[in-house]
Protein backbone atom coordinates (compact mmCIF):
# COMPACT_ATOMS: atom_id res chain seq x y z
CA MET A 1 91.64 -95.19 83.58
CA LEU A 2 94.63 -92.92 82.99
CA HIS A 3 96.67 -90.53 85.11
CA HIS A 4 99.51 -88.93 83.13
CA VAL A 5 99.80 -88.63 79.34
CA ARG A 6 103.29 -87.45 78.41
CA PRO A 7 105.57 -87.71 75.37
CA ASN A 8 108.13 -90.42 76.05
CA GLY A 9 107.08 -90.50 79.70
CA ILE A 10 109.51 -91.59 82.38
CA PRO A 11 111.95 -94.13 80.91
CA HIS A 12 111.08 -97.62 82.08
CA HIS A 13 114.68 -98.43 82.90
CA GLY A 14 116.56 -97.30 85.96
CA PHE A 15 114.63 -95.90 88.90
CA ALA A 16 111.10 -94.95 87.79
CA PRO A 17 108.69 -96.51 90.31
CA ASN A 18 105.68 -94.44 89.23
CA ALA A 19 106.15 -94.99 85.50
CA GLY A 20 103.09 -97.24 85.45
CA LEU A 21 100.97 -94.09 85.91
CA GLU A 22 102.19 -92.60 82.62
CA ILE A 23 101.37 -93.41 79.01
CA THR A 24 102.37 -91.57 75.85
CA PRO A 25 100.00 -89.59 73.64
CA GLN A 26 100.91 -91.99 70.84
CA PHE A 27 99.70 -94.97 72.87
CA LEU A 28 96.50 -93.17 73.84
CA ASP A 29 95.91 -92.39 70.17
CA SER A 30 96.47 -96.05 69.27
CA VAL A 31 94.14 -97.33 71.99
CA ILE A 32 91.27 -95.04 70.95
CA GLY A 33 91.66 -96.05 67.31
CA HIS A 34 91.91 -99.71 68.31
CA VAL A 35 88.70 -99.82 70.34
CA VAL A 36 86.82 -98.00 67.57
CA ALA A 37 88.13 -100.50 65.03
CA ARG A 38 86.90 -103.29 67.27
CA GLY A 39 83.36 -101.89 67.16
CA TYR A 40 83.17 -99.98 70.43
CA ASP A 41 81.22 -96.74 70.73
CA LEU A 42 83.13 -93.91 72.45
CA VAL A 43 80.72 -92.47 75.00
CA SER A 44 80.74 -90.14 77.99
CA LEU A 45 80.40 -91.51 81.50
CA ALA A 46 76.86 -90.13 81.67
CA ASP A 47 75.94 -91.90 78.43
CA ALA A 48 77.45 -95.11 79.73
CA ALA A 49 75.38 -94.83 82.90
CA ARG A 50 72.24 -94.38 80.82
CA ARG A 51 73.08 -97.48 78.81
CA VAL A 52 73.66 -99.52 81.94
CA ALA A 53 70.40 -98.27 83.43
CA GLY A 54 68.53 -99.31 80.28
CA GLU A 55 67.57 -95.74 79.42
CA ALA A 56 69.59 -95.76 76.17
CA PRO A 57 69.84 -99.43 75.16
CA SER A 58 72.35 -100.42 72.52
CA GLU A 59 73.63 -103.72 71.21
CA ARG A 60 77.09 -102.24 70.65
CA PRO A 61 79.86 -102.33 73.26
CA PHE A 62 81.11 -99.00 74.57
CA ALA A 63 84.29 -97.52 76.01
CA VAL A 64 84.65 -94.62 78.45
CA PHE A 65 87.98 -92.82 78.93
CA THR A 66 88.72 -91.30 82.34
CA LEU A 67 91.70 -89.47 83.85
CA ASP A 68 92.32 -89.10 87.58
CA ASP A 69 93.61 -86.08 89.52
CA GLY A 70 93.75 -83.30 86.88
CA TYR A 71 97.38 -83.05 85.76
CA GLU A 72 98.73 -80.41 83.38
CA ASP A 73 99.77 -83.04 80.85
CA ASN A 74 96.09 -83.98 80.46
CA PHE A 75 95.51 -80.45 79.17
CA ILE A 76 98.62 -80.25 76.99
CA HIS A 77 98.97 -83.76 75.62
CA ALA A 78 95.81 -85.83 76.19
CA TRP A 79 93.20 -83.26 75.20
CA PRO A 80 94.41 -82.91 71.57
CA VAL A 81 94.24 -86.69 71.16
CA PHE A 82 90.66 -86.84 72.43
CA ARG A 83 89.69 -83.94 70.17
CA ARG A 84 91.24 -85.60 67.15
CA HIS A 85 89.09 -88.69 67.69
CA GLY A 86 85.98 -86.86 68.90
CA CYS A 87 86.31 -89.02 72.01
CA PRO A 88 84.45 -88.04 75.20
CA PHE A 89 86.51 -88.10 78.38
CA THR A 90 86.12 -87.43 82.09
CA ILE A 91 88.71 -85.79 84.36
CA PHE A 92 88.25 -86.41 88.08
CA VAL A 93 89.56 -83.38 89.93
CA ALA A 94 90.96 -83.14 93.46
CA PRO A 95 90.90 -79.37 94.07
CA ALA A 96 93.92 -79.38 96.40
CA ILE A 97 95.96 -80.72 93.48
CA THR A 98 94.66 -77.95 91.22
CA ASP A 99 95.47 -75.43 93.96
CA GLY A 100 99.03 -76.79 94.04
CA THR A 101 98.82 -77.60 97.76
CA CYS A 102 98.25 -81.37 97.80
CA GLU A 103 100.94 -83.72 99.01
CA LEU A 104 101.50 -86.07 96.08
CA TRP A 105 103.23 -88.37 98.54
CA TRP A 106 104.08 -91.12 96.04
CA ARG A 107 105.92 -88.55 93.91
CA GLY A 108 107.56 -87.02 96.98
CA LEU A 109 108.77 -90.42 98.11
CA GLU A 110 110.21 -91.06 94.65
CA ALA A 111 111.91 -87.65 94.54
CA VAL A 112 113.62 -88.13 97.90
CA ILE A 113 114.93 -91.57 97.00
CA ALA A 114 115.96 -90.50 93.49
CA GLY A 115 118.03 -87.59 94.78
CA ALA A 116 119.76 -89.08 97.80
CA PRO A 117 122.67 -91.52 98.16
CA GLN A 118 121.21 -92.60 101.48
CA VAL A 119 117.69 -92.35 102.93
CA LYS A 120 116.90 -92.58 106.62
CA GLY A 121 113.98 -91.79 108.87
CA VAL A 122 111.40 -93.12 111.32
CA LEU A 123 108.09 -94.66 110.29
CA GLU A 124 105.54 -95.58 112.93
CA GLY A 125 108.14 -95.75 115.65
CA SER A 126 110.68 -97.83 113.73
CA GLY A 127 113.83 -96.38 112.25
CA PHE A 128 114.96 -97.21 108.73
CA GLU A 129 118.06 -96.57 106.68
CA PHE A 130 118.65 -97.45 103.02
CA GLU A 131 121.65 -97.11 100.76
CA THR A 132 120.27 -95.55 97.57
CA ARG A 133 123.34 -94.94 95.42
CA SER A 134 122.32 -97.55 92.84
CA ASP A 135 119.06 -97.98 90.96
CA ALA A 136 118.65 -101.36 92.63
CA GLY A 137 119.03 -99.75 96.05
CA LYS A 138 116.54 -97.05 95.16
CA GLN A 139 114.02 -99.61 93.92
CA ALA A 140 114.42 -101.64 97.11
CA ALA A 141 113.92 -98.56 99.32
CA PHE A 142 110.81 -97.47 97.45
CA LYS A 143 109.36 -100.98 97.60
CA ARG A 144 109.98 -101.18 101.35
CA LEU A 145 108.43 -97.78 102.08
CA TYR A 146 105.57 -97.41 99.60
CA TRP A 147 102.94 -99.65 101.18
CA PRO A 148 103.68 -98.76 104.81
CA VAL A 149 103.31 -95.08 103.89
CA ARG A 150 100.22 -95.68 101.81
CA SER A 151 98.65 -97.64 104.69
CA LEU A 152 99.04 -94.82 107.21
CA GLU A 153 95.96 -92.95 108.41
CA GLU A 154 95.43 -90.21 105.86
CA HIS A 155 96.27 -87.16 107.99
CA ARG A 156 99.23 -88.94 109.57
CA GLN A 157 100.44 -89.96 106.11
CA ARG A 158 100.50 -86.36 104.90
CA GLU A 159 102.23 -85.17 108.08
CA TRP A 160 104.88 -87.89 107.68
CA ILE A 161 105.62 -87.19 104.01
CA ARG A 162 105.91 -83.44 104.66
CA GLN A 163 108.47 -84.04 107.40
CA PHE A 164 110.32 -86.64 105.33
CA CYS A 165 110.52 -84.40 102.27
CA ASP A 166 111.48 -81.33 104.31
CA HIS A 167 114.31 -83.28 105.90
CA HIS A 168 115.63 -84.31 102.48
CA GLY A 169 115.12 -80.95 100.75
CA VAL A 170 112.16 -81.83 98.52
CA ASP A 171 109.48 -79.12 98.11
CA LEU A 172 106.14 -80.93 97.93
CA GLU A 173 104.13 -77.84 97.02
CA ALA A 174 106.47 -76.90 94.19
CA GLN A 175 106.24 -80.46 92.95
CA CYS A 176 102.44 -80.38 93.02
CA ARG A 177 102.27 -76.98 91.29
CA SER A 178 104.53 -78.26 88.52
CA GLU A 179 102.29 -81.30 87.93
CA ALA A 180 98.82 -79.76 88.25
CA MET A 181 96.48 -78.22 85.76
CA THR A 182 95.55 -74.65 86.77
CA TRP A 183 91.96 -73.53 87.31
CA ASP A 184 92.23 -71.44 84.13
CA ASP A 185 93.26 -74.58 82.26
CA MET A 186 90.39 -76.43 83.89
CA ARG A 187 87.85 -73.84 82.81
CA GLN A 188 89.13 -74.00 79.25
CA ILE A 189 89.05 -77.79 78.97
CA ALA A 190 85.71 -78.03 80.80
CA ALA A 191 84.15 -75.82 78.11
CA ASP A 192 84.78 -78.58 75.55
CA PRO A 193 81.56 -80.63 75.07
CA LEU A 194 83.71 -83.76 74.99
CA CYS A 195 84.90 -83.15 78.56
CA THR A 196 83.14 -84.06 81.80
CA ILE A 197 84.61 -82.88 85.09
CA GLY A 198 84.08 -85.18 88.05
CA ALA A 199 84.85 -84.94 91.77
CA HIS A 200 87.74 -86.79 93.45
CA THR A 201 87.70 -85.52 97.08
CA ILE A 202 89.44 -82.31 98.10
CA ASN A 203 92.72 -83.84 99.27
CA HIS A 204 92.96 -87.15 97.39
CA PHE A 205 92.13 -89.09 100.56
CA ALA A 206 91.13 -92.77 100.57
CA LEU A 207 87.52 -92.67 101.76
CA ALA A 208 87.68 -96.05 103.49
CA LYS A 209 90.25 -94.65 105.95
CA LEU A 210 88.03 -91.71 106.93
CA SER A 211 85.00 -91.50 109.18
CA SER A 212 81.65 -91.45 107.34
CA GLU A 213 81.29 -87.77 108.14
CA GLU A 214 84.72 -86.81 106.81
CA ALA A 215 84.32 -89.02 103.73
CA VAL A 216 81.10 -87.25 102.76
CA MET A 217 82.64 -83.85 103.56
CA GLU A 218 85.68 -84.56 101.34
CA ALA A 219 83.46 -85.59 98.42
CA ASP A 220 80.90 -82.82 98.87
CA GLN A 221 83.45 -80.05 99.34
CA SER A 222 85.26 -81.27 96.25
CA ARG A 223 82.05 -81.01 94.26
CA ARG A 224 81.22 -77.58 95.67
CA ARG A 225 84.69 -76.16 95.11
CA ILE A 226 84.67 -77.35 91.51
CA GLY A 227 81.24 -75.77 91.13
CA GLU A 228 82.53 -72.44 92.41
CA GLU A 229 85.42 -72.48 89.96
CA LEU A 230 83.68 -73.89 86.89
CA GLY A 231 80.06 -72.81 87.33
CA HIS A 232 78.50 -76.27 87.70
CA MET A 233 78.85 -79.05 90.25
CA PRO A 234 79.91 -82.53 89.15
CA GLU A 235 77.48 -85.43 89.32
CA VAL A 236 80.14 -88.13 88.94
CA PHE A 237 82.90 -89.21 91.31
CA ALA A 238 86.08 -91.32 91.38
CA TYR A 239 87.42 -92.86 94.58
CA PRO A 240 91.08 -91.93 95.16
CA TYR A 241 93.20 -95.09 94.81
CA GLY A 242 89.90 -96.92 94.31
CA ASP A 243 90.99 -100.43 95.33
CA PRO A 244 89.04 -102.48 97.92
CA THR A 245 91.20 -101.16 100.79
CA SER A 246 90.45 -97.55 99.78
CA ALA A 247 86.74 -97.71 98.91
CA GLY A 248 84.18 -100.29 99.96
CA PRO A 249 80.42 -100.86 100.34
CA ARG A 250 80.07 -98.16 102.99
CA ASP A 251 81.62 -95.62 100.65
CA PHE A 252 79.53 -96.76 97.67
CA ASP A 253 76.42 -96.12 99.77
CA LEU A 254 77.73 -92.78 101.05
CA MET A 255 78.39 -91.47 97.53
CA ARG A 256 74.93 -92.53 96.40
CA GLU A 257 73.37 -90.82 99.41
CA ALA A 258 75.50 -87.73 98.73
CA GLY A 259 73.81 -87.44 95.34
CA PHE A 260 76.43 -88.67 92.90
CA THR A 261 74.78 -90.46 89.99
CA THR A 262 77.86 -92.51 89.13
CA ALA A 263 81.14 -93.33 90.85
CA VAL A 264 84.10 -95.34 89.61
CA THR A 265 86.62 -97.50 91.44
CA THR A 266 89.89 -99.03 90.30
CA ARG A 267 88.55 -102.55 90.82
CA LYS A 268 89.38 -104.31 87.59
CA GLY A 269 86.53 -105.50 85.42
CA LEU A 270 84.12 -104.79 82.60
CA ILE A 271 80.70 -103.16 82.81
CA PHE A 272 77.68 -105.48 82.64
CA PRO A 273 73.89 -104.91 82.82
CA ALA A 274 73.95 -106.03 86.48
CA HIS A 275 75.88 -102.85 87.30
CA ARG A 276 72.60 -100.95 87.01
CA ASP A 277 72.11 -101.83 90.68
CA HIS A 278 75.61 -100.59 91.61
CA PRO A 279 76.17 -97.28 89.78
CA THR A 280 78.53 -95.99 92.49
CA ALA A 281 80.80 -99.07 92.35
CA LEU A 282 81.81 -99.27 88.69
CA PRO A 283 85.09 -101.01 87.77
CA ARG A 284 87.73 -99.65 85.40
CA LEU A 285 90.64 -100.91 83.31
CA SER A 286 93.99 -99.22 83.85
CA LEU A 287 96.14 -98.24 80.88
CA ASN A 288 99.48 -98.98 82.52
CA GLY A 289 102.69 -97.33 81.39
CA PHE A 290 104.59 -100.60 81.70
CA TYR A 291 102.28 -102.33 79.20
CA GLN A 292 101.91 -99.93 76.27
CA LYS A 293 101.09 -102.49 73.60
CA LEU A 294 97.71 -103.14 71.99
CA ARG A 295 97.89 -106.86 72.70
CA TYR A 296 97.63 -106.03 76.40
CA VAL A 297 94.59 -103.86 75.68
CA ASP A 298 92.93 -106.81 73.95
CA VAL A 299 93.53 -108.96 77.03
CA LEU A 300 91.92 -106.30 79.23
CA LEU A 301 88.94 -105.92 76.92
CA SER A 302 88.37 -109.67 76.95
CA GLY A 303 87.97 -109.71 80.71
CA THR A 304 90.04 -112.88 81.04
CA ALA A 305 92.83 -111.11 82.93
CA PHE A 306 90.70 -110.64 86.04
CA ALA A 307 87.85 -113.19 85.72
CA LEU A 308 89.63 -115.58 88.10
CA SER A 309 90.55 -112.90 90.65
CA ASN A 310 86.93 -111.72 90.62
CA GLY A 311 85.71 -115.26 91.31
CA PHE A 312 84.06 -115.20 87.87
CA LYS A 313 81.60 -112.65 89.24
CA ARG A 314 80.56 -109.88 86.89
CA VAL A 315 79.89 -107.44 89.74
CA ARG A 316 82.14 -106.93 92.75
CA ALA A 317 80.62 -104.36 95.08
CA ALA A 318 81.32 -106.01 98.42
């Protein structure tokens, strides 16, 4: 799982709270070469699903590369790397991001704190005030606010971040437009046989925090809007955020009933034959910007990093 692929990325010193979402094209290139050298087949998500289902059995391990949200750097910097290796990849698209209208609240929160010597506001009835002149102060403010904001009901969260950013002079729409791939870009990259476009809700909402009806609507409208723009509707889906608090068994069932053949979470783990019974609850490994060394990739590929946290279970779909 990747988000941003950028040369140099955000420097990992100073205040860069979202730097974990960014890797360099050089690291991506190294990772692809590394997994091939270790004997992995590079396959599309659809091919992986067929292998798991037993429709295309193989004794060789496989790797699937996915990118969430649909950022412009995927088009500019990641795509050439995938082409160079002949590596299939999937981009999960939230159409509001592509439209440039989505509140990328985690980036907005960072921008406010980065640009202000002092941050103040009200969150769920409680006032807060942080001195943010130093990097340490900025880090402390972001840490204190991130999870309370992320935990808000989705519509309330977006209302809060709009008001917070407006008050501090940060333009959320301009920020989104500057980050997002355009629909013209999307059409161009989608025409590459290596590329699969998947759905990711319209507004990048956590499904678990929505009613069943709204969760299905978000996923289905995402698929339909992508179909209108690109000429074909996605069959695969990624849950925004994707952790157990953002997508659970109800949502896995809803996406299956909505007609998605495969859906991926951000629950950490490897794919095993037992996942054939849970195709809408597949785990992924995150390529984290703070750990851009191949020795960390080897740890992830071994599965040892999360075997204990998963209770030594190969499948976690509960």
